[in-house]
Amino acid sequence: MRILMMGTGGFAVPTFRALLGSEHEVLGLVTRPPQPFHGRRKVKVAVNPMRDVAEEAGLSIMMPDSINTPESIEAVKEQNADLHVVCDYGQILSREALTTAPLGGINLHASLLPRYRGAAPINWAIYEGDKTTGVTVIHMTAKLDAGPSLVQVETPIAPTEDAVDLESRLADTGRDAVLQAIDMLSAWDRESPIGILQDGQVVSKAPRLKKSDGRVEWSRTATEIFDQVRAFKPWPGSYTEWQYGRKPMRLVLQKVEIAKAPADCPPGTIAKTDRNETLVACGQGAIRLIEVQPAGKKAMAIADFLRGHPLSVGDSLSST
């Protein structure tokens, strides 16, 4: 089958490499153009691992600002692909863009659709405390993440697994699911419906993450905060503020554990701190700080942080 790959982020790399090593003909890559962002007083360009793979393979690369302009649609059509494989691309394909291939497009999504439609399904599944998640390969429609399911694979979320670890594992699971979906389409007669329609009554959303999502609300339970820390790695991180001297210091919680809190400790209060452990009271239970990252610094063990920043029992960590 003649396949045009569309993807940008690292989640798509295992699928891309699998297609390159398969019997299918990969015609090229459609990816997002370089995305500048500001960091450490200079403008940087976000890494595009998919472009790196395409260059290694000697493939043609298209980087349209929008995939849905008449010019982009015509350029895609000229590739004469049988199928578009879309994964972690970053743009929504219009109906016109999808019809540039006879078989349309399939999309690899990192959730058990129709749960967590949207840009950040892995993060929100962990944040909500889900015990299982998975991947779904859909036959695409113009509506985001709404097409019929071709292949769906469920997997447990490990109790200490964070978003980075889970994304890596689901990317490998998705690679195999995409190859299975392509086999289904290869055998499709194109007359009967294919796939399983999604149940619109149980749709949930996974919106793009915002910096403000990372703010720790200490009135929440220790379990909820533990899940948040795992969910929002590496970005936006889960952060709080400590009044250090005359100005607050922002701390990103890099690694924490659930613990019991001493009685009568208001949420956000340092309930205990010594050479063995540092506990922060929550709405229910406590969080044991294992690793923190002060603003502008590298992550460090809490013991190393305390050597230069002595927390005291009764100090408050702010949610603002």
C-alpha atoms as a PDB file:
ATOM      1  CA  MET A   1       0.000   0.000   0.000  1.00  0.00           C
ATOM      2  CA  ARG A   2       1.188   3.549  -0.776  1.00  0.00           C
ATOM      3  CA  ILE A   3       1.208   5.504   2.483  1.00  0.00           C
ATOM      4  CA  LEU A   4       1.762   9.173   3.279  1.00  0.00           C
ATOM      5  CA  MET A   5       2.799   9.686   6.915  1.00  0.00           C
ATOM      6  CA  MET A   6       1.607  12.740   8.841  1.00  0.00           C
ATOM      7  CA  GLY A   7       3.188  13.353  12.240  1.00  0.00           C
ATOM      8  CA  THR A   8       5.404  15.633  14.286  1.00  0.00           C
ATOM      9  CA  GLY A   9       5.991  14.450  17.850  1.00  0.00           C
ATOM     10  CA  GLY A  10       7.957  11.588  19.332  1.00  0.00           C
ATOM     11  CA  PHE A  11       4.832   9.512  19.966  1.00  0.00           C
ATOM     12  CA  ALA A  12       4.631   8.894  16.201  1.00  0.00           C
ATOM     13  CA  VAL A  13       8.224   7.719  15.737  1.00  0.00           C
ATOM     14  CA  PRO A  14       7.739   3.976  16.487  1.00  0.00           C
ATOM     15  CA  THR A  15       4.836   3.850  14.018  1.00  0.00           C
ATOM     16  CA  PHE A  16       6.846   5.704  11.367  1.00  0.00           C
ATOM     17  CA  ARG A  17       9.837   3.380  11.751  1.00  0.00           C
ATOM     18  CA  ALA A  18       7.580   0.318  11.612  1.00  0.00           C
ATOM     19  CA  LEU A  19       6.030   1.512   8.353  1.00  0.00           C
ATOM     20  CA  LEU A  20       9.462   2.163   6.878  1.00  0.00           C
ATOM     21  CA  GLY A  21      10.425  -1.405   7.717  1.00  0.00           C
ATOM     22  CA  SER A  22       7.217  -2.943   6.376  1.00  0.00           C
ATOM     23  CA  GLU A  23       6.184  -4.102   2.922  1.00  0.00           C
ATOM     24  CA  HIS A  24       4.263  -0.844   2.435  1.00  0.00           C
ATOM     25  CA  GLU A  25       5.646   2.038   0.372  1.00  0.00           C
ATOM     26  CA  VAL A  26       6.065   5.185   2.461  1.00  0.00           C
ATOM     27  CA  LEU A  27       5.913   8.128   0.069  1.00  0.00           C
ATOM     28  CA  GLY A  28       6.982  10.901   2.396  1.00  0.00           C
ATOM     29  CA  LEU A  29       6.243  12.851   5.560  1.00  0.00           C
ATOM     30  CA  VAL A  30       3.880  15.739   6.200  1.00  0.00           C
ATOM     31  CA  THR A  31       4.893  17.481   9.407  1.00  0.00           C
ATOM     32  CA  ARG A  32       4.535  20.829  11.122  1.00  0.00           C
ATOM     33  CA  PRO A  33       7.014  23.589  10.248  1.00  0.00           C
ATOM     34  CA  PRO A  34       9.588  24.635  12.872  1.00  0.00           C
ATOM     35  CA  GLN A  35       7.844  26.065  15.922  1.00  0.00           C
ATOM     36  CA  PRO A  36       9.847  28.839  17.645  1.00  0.00           C
ATOM     37  CA  PHE A  37       9.438  29.352  21.373  1.00  0.00           C
ATOM     38  CA  HIS A  38      11.075  31.572  23.984  1.00  0.00           C
ATOM     39  CA  GLY A  39      13.380  30.075  26.576  1.00  0.00           C
ATOM     40  CA  ARG A  40      16.283  31.386  28.644  1.00  0.00           C
ATOM     41  CA  ARG A  41      16.217  34.807  26.929  1.00  0.00           C
ATOM     42  CA  LYS A  42      16.444  33.509  23.368  1.00  0.00           C
ATOM     43  CA  VAL A  43      14.166  32.126  20.707  1.00  0.00           C
ATOM     44  CA  LYS A  44      14.551  28.373  20.217  1.00  0.00           C
ATOM     45  CA  VAL A  45      13.019  25.940  17.736  1.00  0.00           C
ATOM     46  CA  ALA A  46      11.132  22.911  19.003  1.00  0.00           C
ATOM     47  CA  VAL A  47      12.636  19.515  18.170  1.00  0.00           C
ATOM     48  CA  ASN A  48      10.900  17.535  15.414  1.00  0.00           C
ATOM     49  CA  PRO A  49      11.923  13.861  15.731  1.00  0.00           C
ATOM     50  CA  MET A  50       9.734  12.815  12.808  1.00  0.00           C
ATOM     51  CA  ARG A  51      11.596  15.092  10.421  1.00  0.00           C
ATOM     52  CA  ASP A  52      14.870  13.558  11.610  1.00  0.00           C
ATOM     53  CA  VAL A  53      13.606  10.046  10.794  1.00  0.00           C
ATOM     54  CA  ALA A  54      12.369  11.141   7.362  1.00  0.00           C
ATOM     55  CA  GLU A  55      15.721  12.734   6.534  1.00  0.00           C
ATOM     56  CA  GLU A  56      17.541   9.553   7.576  1.00  0.00           C
ATOM     57  CA  ALA A  57      15.295   7.563   5.222  1.00  0.00           C
ATOM     58  CA  GLY A  58      15.763  10.010   2.341  1.00  0.00           C
ATOM     59  CA  LEU A  59      12.038  10.799   2.131  1.00  0.00           C
ATOM     60  CA  SER A  60      10.421  13.956   0.833  1.00  0.00           C
ATOM     61  CA  ILE A  61       9.164  16.252   3.590  1.00  0.00           C
ATOM     62  CA  MET A  62       6.247  18.690   3.411  1.00  0.00           C
ATOM     63  CA  MET A  63       5.872  21.309   6.165  1.00  0.00           C
ATOM     64  CA  PRO A  64       2.744  23.353   5.395  1.00  0.00           C
ATOM     65  CA  ASP A  65       1.581  26.003   7.841  1.00  0.00           C
ATOM     66  CA  SER A  66      -1.883  24.549   7.263  1.00  0.00           C
ATOM     67  CA  ILE A  67      -2.688  21.189   5.737  1.00  0.00           C
ATOM     68  CA  ASN A  68      -6.107  22.469   4.687  1.00  0.00           C
ATOM     69  CA  THR A  69      -5.242  25.230   2.207  1.00  0.00           C
ATOM     70  CA  PRO A  70      -5.969  24.572  -1.484  1.00  0.00           C
ATOM     71  CA  GLU A  71      -2.227  24.557  -2.185  1.00  0.00           C
ATOM     72  CA  SER A  72      -1.487  21.998   0.542  1.00  0.00           C
ATOM     73  CA  ILE A  73      -4.379  19.775  -0.472  1.00  0.00           C
ATOM     74  CA  GLU A  74      -3.184  19.766  -4.075  1.00  0.00           C
ATOM     75  CA  ALA A  75       0.385  18.948  -3.004  1.00  0.00           C
ATOM     76  CA  VAL A  76      -0.837  16.037  -0.874  1.00  0.00           C
ATOM     77  CA  LYS A  77      -3.060  14.801  -3.685  1.00  0.00           C
ATOM     78  CA  GLU A  78      -0.066  14.731  -6.041  1.00  0.00           C
ATOM     79  CA  GLN A  79       1.579  12.144  -3.765  1.00  0.00           C
ATOM     80  CA  ASN A  80      -1.012   9.652  -5.043  1.00  0.00           C
ATOM     81  CA  ALA A  81      -1.226   7.863  -1.686  1.00  0.00           C
ATOM     82  CA  ASP A  82      -3.694   5.077  -0.978  1.00  0.00           C
ATOM     83  CA  LEU A  83      -3.857   6.005   2.704  1.00  0.00           C
ATOM     84  CA  HIS A  84      -2.779   8.735   5.118  1.00  0.00           C
ATOM     85  CA  VAL A  85      -1.428   7.559   8.478  1.00  0.00           C
ATOM     86  CA  VAL A  86      -1.775  10.359  11.027  1.00  0.00           C
ATOM     87  CA  CYS A  87      -0.189  10.329  14.467  1.00  0.00           C
ATOM     88  CA  ASP A  88       0.784  13.196  16.784  1.00  0.00           C
ATOM     89  CA  TYR A  89       0.602  15.614  13.862  1.00  0.00           C
ATOM     90  CA  GLY A  90      -0.751  18.746  15.520  1.00  0.00           C
ATOM     91  CA  GLN A  91      -3.287  19.787  12.868  1.00  0.00           C
ATOM     92  CA  ILE A  92      -6.860  18.705  12.187  1.00  0.00           C
ATOM     93  CA  LEU A  93      -7.462  17.478   8.641  1.00  0.00           C
ATOM     94  CA  SER A  94     -10.495  18.839   6.800  1.00  0.00           C
ATOM     95  CA  ARG A  95     -12.854  16.620   4.843  1.00  0.00           C
ATOM     96  CA  GLU A  96     -11.159  17.808   1.645  1.00  0.00           C
ATOM     97  CA  ALA A  97      -7.711  16.851   2.931  1.00  0.00           C
ATOM     98  CA  LEU A  98      -8.921  13.396   3.938  1.00  0.00           C
ATOM     99  CA  THR A  99     -10.364  12.701   0.504  1.00  0.00           C
ATOM    100  CA  THR A 100      -6.968  13.127  -1.189  1.00  0.00           C
ATOM    101  CA  ALA A 101      -6.361   9.390  -0.599  1.00  0.00           C
ATOM    102  CA  PRO A 102      -8.862   6.710  -1.726  1.00  0.00           C
ATOM    103  CA  LEU A 103      -8.837   5.068   1.721  1.00  0.00           C
ATOM    104  CA  GLY A 104      -8.815   8.372   3.589  1.00  0.00           C
ATOM    105  CA  GLY A 105      -6.791   8.492   6.774  1.00  0.00           C
ATOM    106  CA  ILE A 106      -6.280   6.551   9.971  1.00  0.00           C
ATOM    107  CA  ASN A 107      -5.246   8.157  13.235  1.00  0.00           C
ATOM    108  CA  LEU A 108      -3.475   6.634  16.225  1.00  0.00           C
ATOM    109  CA  HIS A 109      -4.898   8.121  19.436  1.00  0.00           C
ATOM    110  CA  ALA A 110      -3.507   7.448  22.908  1.00  0.00           C
ATOM    111  CA  SER A 111      -6.741   6.620  24.732  1.00  0.00           C
ATOM    112  CA  LEU A 112      -9.644   4.217  24.710  1.00  0.00           C
ATOM    113  CA  LEU A 113     -11.911   6.354  22.550  1.00  0.00           C
ATOM    114  CA  PRO A 114     -14.430   7.850  22.993  1.00  0.00           C
ATOM    115  CA  ARG A 115     -12.770   8.642  26.341  1.00  0.00           C
ATOM    116  CA  TYR A 116     -10.316  11.523  26.240  1.00  0.00           C
ATOM    117  CA  ARG A 117     -10.793  13.006  22.809  1.00  0.00           C
ATOM    118  CA  GLY A 118      -8.309  15.818  22.345  1.00  0.00           C
ATOM    119  CA  ALA A 119      -4.665  16.818  22.560  1.00  0.00           C
ATOM    120  CA  ALA A 120      -3.577  15.409  25.948  1.00  0.00           C
ATOM    121  CA  PRO A 121      -5.235  12.019  26.562  1.00  0.00           C
ATOM    122  CA  ILE A 122      -2.293  10.436  28.393  1.00  0.00           C
ATOM    123  CA  ASN A 123      -2.000  13.286  30.876  1.00  0.00           C
ATOM    124  CA  TRP A 124      -5.684  13.471  31.714  1.00  0.00           C
ATOM    125  CA  ALA A 125      -6.056   9.708  32.107  1.00  0.00           C
ATOM    126  CA  ILE A 126      -3.364   9.722  34.810  1.00  0.00           C
ATOM    127  CA  TYR A 127      -4.697  12.940  36.371  1.00  0.00           C
ATOM    128  CA  GLU A 128      -8.168  11.444  36.721  1.00  0.00           C
ATOM    129  CA  GLY A 129      -6.748   8.393  38.476  1.00  0.00           C
ATOM    130  CA  ASP A 130      -7.677   5.896  35.758  1.00  0.00           C
ATOM    131  CA  LYS A 131      -6.338   2.394  36.298  1.00  0.00           C
ATOM    132  CA  THR A 132      -6.385   1.483  32.601  1.00  0.00           C
ATOM    133  CA  THR A 133      -5.899   3.254  29.300  1.00  0.00           C
ATOM    134  CA  GLY A 134      -4.855   2.198  25.811  1.00  0.00           C
ATOM    135  CA  VAL A 135      -4.669   3.172  22.169  1.00  0.00           C
ATOM    136  CA  THR A 136      -7.284   3.413  19.448  1.00  0.00           C
ATOM    137  CA  VAL A 137      -6.779   3.501  15.692  1.00  0.00           C
ATOM    138  CA  ILE A 138      -9.726   5.209  14.009  1.00  0.00           C
ATOM    139  CA  HIS A 139     -10.795   5.653  10.400  1.00  0.00           C
ATOM    140  CA  MET A 140     -10.757   9.424  10.324  1.00  0.00           C
ATOM    141  CA  THR A 141     -13.662  11.801   9.809  1.00  0.00           C
ATOM    142  CA  ALA A 142     -13.613  15.591   9.736  1.00  0.00           C
ATOM    143  CA  LYS A 143     -14.666  15.655  13.408  1.00  0.00           C
ATOM    144  CA  LEU A 144     -11.749  15.398  15.837  1.00  0.00           C
ATOM    145  CA  ASP A 145     -11.127  11.857  17.162  1.00  0.00           C
ATOM    146  CA  ALA A 146     -14.672  10.803  16.254  1.00  0.00           C
ATOM    147  CA  GLY A 147     -14.212   8.222  13.489  1.00  0.00           C
ATOM    148  CA  PRO A 148     -15.092   4.536  13.803  1.00  0.00           C
ATOM    149  CA  SER A 149     -12.639   2.409  15.755  1.00  0.00           C
ATOM    150  CA  LEU A 150     -10.601  -0.084  13.729  1.00  0.00           C
ATOM    151  CA  VAL A 151      -8.305  -1.394  16.471  1.00  0.00           C
ATOM    152  CA  GLN A 152      -8.352  -0.769  20.207  1.00  0.00           C
ATOM    153  CA  VAL A 153      -5.830  -2.122  22.728  1.00  0.00           C
ATOM    154  CA  GLU A 154      -6.285  -1.745  26.490  1.00  0.00           C
ATOM    155  CA  THR A 155      -3.440  -1.716  29.014  1.00  0.00           C
ATOM    156  CA  PRO A 156      -3.154  -1.042  32.771  1.00  0.00           C
ATOM    157  CA  ILE A 157      -1.562   2.133  34.096  1.00  0.00           C
ATOM    158  CA  ALA A 158       1.130   1.206  36.622  1.00  0.00           C
ATOM    159  CA  PRO A 159       0.641   2.877  40.041  1.00  0.00           C
ATOM    160  CA  THR A 160       3.863   4.899  39.767  1.00  0.00           C
ATOM    161  CA  GLU A 161       3.917   5.396  35.971  1.00  0.00           C
ATOM    162  CA  ASP A 162       4.181   9.019  34.848  1.00  0.00           C
ATOM    163  CA  ALA A 163       3.123  10.577  31.556  1.00  0.00           C
ATOM    164  CA  VAL A 164       6.579  10.260  29.994  1.00  0.00           C
ATOM    165  CA  ASP A 165       6.823   6.539  30.744  1.00  0.00           C
ATOM    166  CA  LEU A 166       3.253   5.823  29.685  1.00  0.00           C
ATOM    167  CA  GLU A 167       3.629   7.717  26.406  1.00  0.00           C
ATOM    168  CA  SER A 168       6.681   5.648  25.502  1.00  0.00           C
ATOM    169  CA  ARG A 169       4.866   2.398  26.220  1.00  0.00           C
ATOM    170  CA  LEU A 170       1.697   3.397  24.362  1.00  0.00           C
ATOM    171  CA  ALA A 171       3.737   4.505  21.346  1.00  0.00           C
ATOM    172  CA  ASP A 172       5.042   0.950  20.997  1.00  0.00           C
ATOM    173  CA  THR A 173       1.577  -0.520  21.515  1.00  0.00           C
ATOM    174  CA  GLY A 174       0.177   1.870  18.920  1.00  0.00           C
ATOM    175  CA  ARG A 175       2.783   0.906  16.353  1.00  0.00           C
ATOM    176  CA  ASP A 176       1.453  -2.644  16.246  1.00  0.00           C
ATOM    177  CA  ALA A 177      -2.163  -1.446  16.265  1.00  0.00           C
ATOM    178  CA  VAL A 178      -1.563   0.752  13.206  1.00  0.00           C
ATOM    179  CA  LEU A 179      -0.097  -2.135  11.220  1.00  0.00           C
ATOM    180  CA  GLN A 180      -3.136  -4.230  12.154  1.00  0.00           C
ATOM    181  CA  ALA A 181      -5.503  -1.462  11.036  1.00  0.00           C
ATOM    182  CA  ILE A 182      -3.729  -1.165   7.681  1.00  0.00           C
ATOM    183  CA  ASP A 183      -4.192  -4.895   7.145  1.00  0.00           C
ATOM    184  CA  MET A 184      -7.920  -4.438   7.814  1.00  0.00           C
ATOM    185  CA  LEU A 185      -8.156  -1.662   5.237  1.00  0.00           C
ATOM    186  CA  SER A 186      -6.196  -3.715   2.708  1.00  0.00           C
ATOM    187  CA  ALA A 187      -8.903  -6.390   2.895  1.00  0.00           C
ATOM    188  CA  TRP A 188     -11.832  -3.933   2.963  1.00  0.00           C
ATOM    189  CA  ASP A 189     -14.297  -4.162   0.076  1.00  0.00           C
ATOM    190  CA  ARG A 190     -15.139  -0.419   0.465  1.00  0.00           C
ATOM    191  CA  GLU A 191     -18.839  -1.197   0.145  1.00  0.00           C
ATOM    192  CA  SER A 192     -19.746  -2.300   3.676  1.00  0.00           C
ATOM    193  CA  PRO A 193     -19.035  -0.105   6.745  1.00  0.00           C
ATOM    194  CA  ILE A 194     -15.732  -0.688   8.492  1.00  0.00           C
ATOM    195  CA  GLY A 195     -14.929  -0.282  12.173  1.00  0.00           C
ATOM    196  CA  ILE A 196     -17.056   0.205  15.275  1.00  0.00           C
ATOM    197  CA  LEU A 197     -18.909   3.490  15.722  1.00  0.00           C
ATOM    198  CA  GLN A 198     -18.043   5.411  18.876  1.00  0.00           C
ATOM    199  CA  ASP A 199     -20.710   5.832  21.563  1.00  0.00           C
ATOM    200  CA  GLY A 200     -21.417   9.544  21.679  1.00  0.00           C
ATOM    201  CA  GLN A 201     -23.007   9.224  25.126  1.00  0.00           C
ATOM    202  CA  VAL A 202     -19.705   8.459  26.874  1.00  0.00           C
ATOM    203  CA  VAL A 203     -17.396  10.989  25.202  1.00  0.00           C
ATOM    204  CA  SER A 204     -14.927  12.785  27.474  1.00  0.00           C
ATOM    205  CA  LYS A 205     -12.422  15.492  26.602  1.00  0.00           C
ATOM    206  CA  ALA A 206      -8.652  15.805  26.999  1.00  0.00           C
ATOM    207  CA  PRO A 207      -7.932  19.475  26.252  1.00  0.00           C
ATOM    208  CA  ARG A 208      -4.466  20.827  25.536  1.00  0.00           C
ATOM    209  CA  LEU A 209      -2.539  21.459  28.748  1.00  0.00           C
ATOM    210  CA  LYS A 210      -2.080  24.997  30.074  1.00  0.00           C
ATOM    211  CA  LYS A 211       0.599  26.286  32.433  1.00  0.00           C
ATOM    212  CA  SER A 212      -2.068  26.997  35.046  1.00  0.00           C
ATOM    213  CA  ASP A 213      -3.091  23.317  35.100  1.00  0.00           C
ATOM    214  CA  GLY A 214       0.101  22.561  37.013  1.00  0.00           C
ATOM    215  CA  ARG A 215      -0.805  24.609  40.083  1.00  0.00           C
ATOM    216  CA  VAL A 216      -1.059  22.329  43.124  1.00  0.00           C
ATOM    217  CA  GLU A 217      -4.220  22.802  45.172  1.00  0.00           C
ATOM    218  CA  TRP A 218      -3.307  21.452  48.600  1.00  0.00           C
ATOM    219  CA  SER A 219      -6.985  21.147  49.553  1.00  0.00           C
ATOM    220  CA  ARG A 220      -7.154  18.120  47.251  1.00  0.00           C
ATOM    221  CA  THR A 221      -6.384  14.639  48.549  1.00  0.00           C
ATOM    222  CA  ALA A 222      -2.863  13.249  48.640  1.00  0.00           C
ATOM    223  CA  THR A 223      -3.846  10.639  46.067  1.00  0.00           C
ATOM    224  CA  GLU A 224      -5.139  13.312  43.683  1.00  0.00           C
ATOM    225  CA  ILE A 225      -1.963  15.386  44.034  1.00  0.00           C
ATOM    226  CA  PHE A 226       0.198  12.286  43.565  1.00  0.00           C
ATOM    227  CA  ASP A 227      -1.679  11.570  40.319  1.00  0.00           C
ATOM    228  CA  GLN A 228      -1.279  15.194  39.211  1.00  0.00           C
ATOM    229  CA  VAL A 229       2.492  15.103  39.678  1.00  0.00           C
ATOM    230  CA  ARG A 230       2.703  11.964  37.516  1.00  0.00           C
ATOM    231  CA  ALA A 231       0.290  13.342  34.924  1.00  0.00           C
ATOM    232  CA  PHE A 232       1.923  16.691  34.246  1.00  0.00           C
ATOM    233  CA  LYS A 233       5.505  15.576  33.637  1.00  0.00           C
ATOM    234  CA  PRO A 234       7.452  17.045  31.979  1.00  0.00           C
ATOM    235  CA  TRP A 235       5.110  19.993  31.262  1.00  0.00           C
ATOM    236  CA  PRO A 236       3.533  22.018  32.766  1.00  0.00           C
ATOM    237  CA  GLY A 237       4.886  20.355  35.900  1.00  0.00           C
ATOM    238  CA  SER A 238       3.122  20.462  39.272  1.00  0.00           C
ATOM    239  CA  TYR A 239       4.194  23.549  41.151  1.00  0.00           C
ATOM    240  CA  THR A 240       3.654  25.330  44.442  1.00  0.00           C
ATOM    241  CA  GLU A 241       5.159  28.387  46.142  1.00  0.00           C
ATOM    242  CA  TRP A 242       6.994  28.789  49.431  1.00  0.00           C
ATOM    243  CA  GLN A 243       7.471  32.174  51.075  1.00  0.00           C
ATOM    244  CA  TYR A 244      11.270  32.262  51.234  1.00  0.00           C
ATOM    245  CA  GLY A 245      12.528  35.520  52.660  1.00  0.00           C
ATOM    246  CA  ARG A 246      10.827  38.504  51.064  1.00  0.00           C
ATOM    247  CA  LYS A 247       9.565  36.799  47.946  1.00  0.00           C
ATOM    248  CA  PRO A 248       7.949  33.453  47.141  1.00  0.00           C
ATOM    249  CA  MET A 249       9.995  30.636  45.637  1.00  0.00           C
ATOM    250  CA  ARG A 250       8.315  28.434  43.064  1.00  0.00           C
ATOM    251  CA  LEU A 251       8.940  24.719  43.534  1.00  0.00           C
ATOM    252  CA  VAL A 252       8.088  22.061  40.962  1.00  0.00           C
ATOM    253  CA  LEU A 253       7.279  18.725  42.584  1.00  0.00           C
ATOM    254  CA  GLN A 254       9.252  16.213  40.538  1.00  0.00           C
ATOM    255  CA  LYS A 255       8.758  13.119  42.672  1.00  0.00           C
ATOM    256  CA  VAL A 256       6.422  12.546  45.614  1.00  0.00           C
ATOM    257  CA  GLU A 257       4.821   9.751  47.615  1.00  0.00           C
ATOM    258  CA  ILE A 258       1.536   9.396  49.479  1.00  0.00           C
ATOM    259  CA  ALA A 259       1.806   9.460  53.275  1.00  0.00           C
ATOM    260  CA  LYS A 260      -0.296   9.877  56.405  1.00  0.00           C
ATOM    261  CA  ALA A 261      -0.594  13.357  57.864  1.00  0.00           C
ATOM    262  CA  PRO A 262      -0.399  14.229  61.555  1.00  0.00           C
ATOM    263  CA  ALA A 263      -3.703  15.431  62.972  1.00  0.00           C
ATOM    264  CA  ASP A 264      -4.801  19.071  62.807  1.00  0.00           C
ATOM    265  CA  CYS A 265      -2.480  20.197  60.003  1.00  0.00           C
ATOM    266  CA  PRO A 266      -4.091  22.632  57.552  1.00  0.00           C
ATOM    267  CA  PRO A 267      -3.677  21.757  53.855  1.00  0.00           C
ATOM    268  CA  GLY A 268      -0.434  23.103  52.413  1.00  0.00           C
ATOM    269  CA  THR A 269       1.334  23.141  55.783  1.00  0.00           C
ATOM    270  CA  ILE A 270       4.702  21.487  56.381  1.00  0.00           C
ATOM    271  CA  ALA A 271       3.584  18.774  58.808  1.00  0.00           C
ATOM    272  CA  LYS A 272       7.000  17.235  59.369  1.00  0.00           C
ATOM    273  CA  THR A 273      10.543  17.833  58.204  1.00  0.00           C
ATOM    274  CA  ASP A 274      13.713  16.120  59.374  1.00  0.00           C
ATOM    275  CA  ARG A 275      16.584  14.126  57.929  1.00  0.00           C
ATOM    276  CA  ASN A 276      14.234  11.230  57.174  1.00  0.00           C
ATOM    277  CA  GLU A 277      11.273  12.869  55.453  1.00  0.00           C
ATOM    278  CA  THR A 278       9.374  16.054  54.659  1.00  0.00           C
ATOM    279  CA  LEU A 279       5.579  15.891  54.671  1.00  0.00           C
ATOM    280  CA  VAL A 280       3.044  18.409  53.350  1.00  0.00           C
ATOM    281  CA  ALA A 281      -0.522  18.128  54.646  1.00  0.00           C
ATOM    282  CA  CYS A 282      -3.297  17.812  52.056  1.00  0.00           C
ATOM    283  CA  GLY A 283      -7.073  17.943  52.230  1.00  0.00           C
ATOM    284  CA  GLN A 284      -6.811  14.257  53.044  1.00  0.00           C
ATOM    285  CA  GLY A 285      -3.509  12.570  53.868  1.00  0.00           C
ATOM    286  CA  ALA A 286      -0.090  14.032  53.123  1.00  0.00           C
ATOM    287  CA  ILE A 287       2.491  14.209  50.370  1.00  0.00           C
ATOM    288  CA  ARG A 288       6.067  13.134  51.063  1.00  0.00           C
ATOM    289  CA  LEU A 289       8.477  15.278  49.059  1.00  0.00           C
ATOM    290  CA  ILE A 290      11.173  13.177  47.382  1.00  0.00           C
ATOM    291  CA  GLU A 291      12.519  15.450  44.644  1.00  0.00           C
ATOM    292  CA  VAL A 292      11.848  19.135  43.948  1.00  0.00           C
ATOM    293  CA  GLN A 293      13.013  21.683  41.412  1.00  0.00           C
ATOM    294  CA  PRO A 294      13.354  25.333  42.459  1.00  0.00           C
ATOM    295  CA  ALA A 295      12.682  27.890  39.734  1.00  0.00           C
ATOM    296  CA  GLY A 296      15.731  28.266  37.501  1.00  0.00           C
ATOM    297  CA  LYS A 297      17.525  25.298  39.064  1.00  0.00           C
ATOM    298  CA  LYS A 298      17.926  21.610  38.349  1.00  0.00           C
ATOM    299  CA  ALA A 299      15.809  19.006  40.099  1.00  0.00           C
ATOM    300  CA  MET A 300      17.290  17.816  43.385  1.00  0.00           C
ATOM    301  CA  ALA A 301      16.570  15.450  46.240  1.00  0.00           C
ATOM    302  CA  ILE A 302      14.626  17.107  49.043  1.00  0.00           C
ATOM    303  CA  ALA A 303      17.565  16.505  51.408  1.00  0.00           C
ATOM    304  CA  ASP A 304      19.829  18.543  49.112  1.00  0.00           C
ATOM    305  CA  PHE A 305      17.233  21.306  48.852  1.00  0.00           C
ATOM    306  CA  LEU A 306      16.895  21.523  52.634  1.00  0.00           C
ATOM    307  CA  ARG A 307      20.624  22.098  53.096  1.00  0.00           C
ATOM    308  CA  GLY A 308      20.288  25.538  51.560  1.00  0.00           C
ATOM    309  CA  HIS A 309      16.605  26.222  52.230  1.00  0.00           C
ATOM    310  CA  PRO A 310      15.570  25.129  55.723  1.00  0.00           C
ATOM    311  CA  LEU A 311      11.844  24.403  55.746  1.00  0.00           C
ATOM    312  CA  SER A 312      10.202  24.424  59.151  1.00  0.00           C
ATOM    313  CA  VAL A 313       7.149  22.666  60.541  1.00  0.00           C
ATOM    314  CA  GLY A 314       4.223  25.046  60.122  1.00  0.00           C
ATOM    315  CA  ASP A 315       5.550  26.735  56.977  1.00  0.00           C
ATOM    316  CA  SER A 316       2.893  27.073  54.286  1.00  0.00           C
ATOM    317  CA  LEU A 317       3.076  26.176  50.623  1.00  0.00           C
ATOM    318  CA  SER A 318       0.766  28.296  48.506  1.00  0.00           C
ATOM    319  CA  SER A 319      -1.573  27.281  45.671  1.00  0.00           C
ATOM    320  CA  THR A 320      -1.291  30.709  44.023  1.00  0.00           C
END
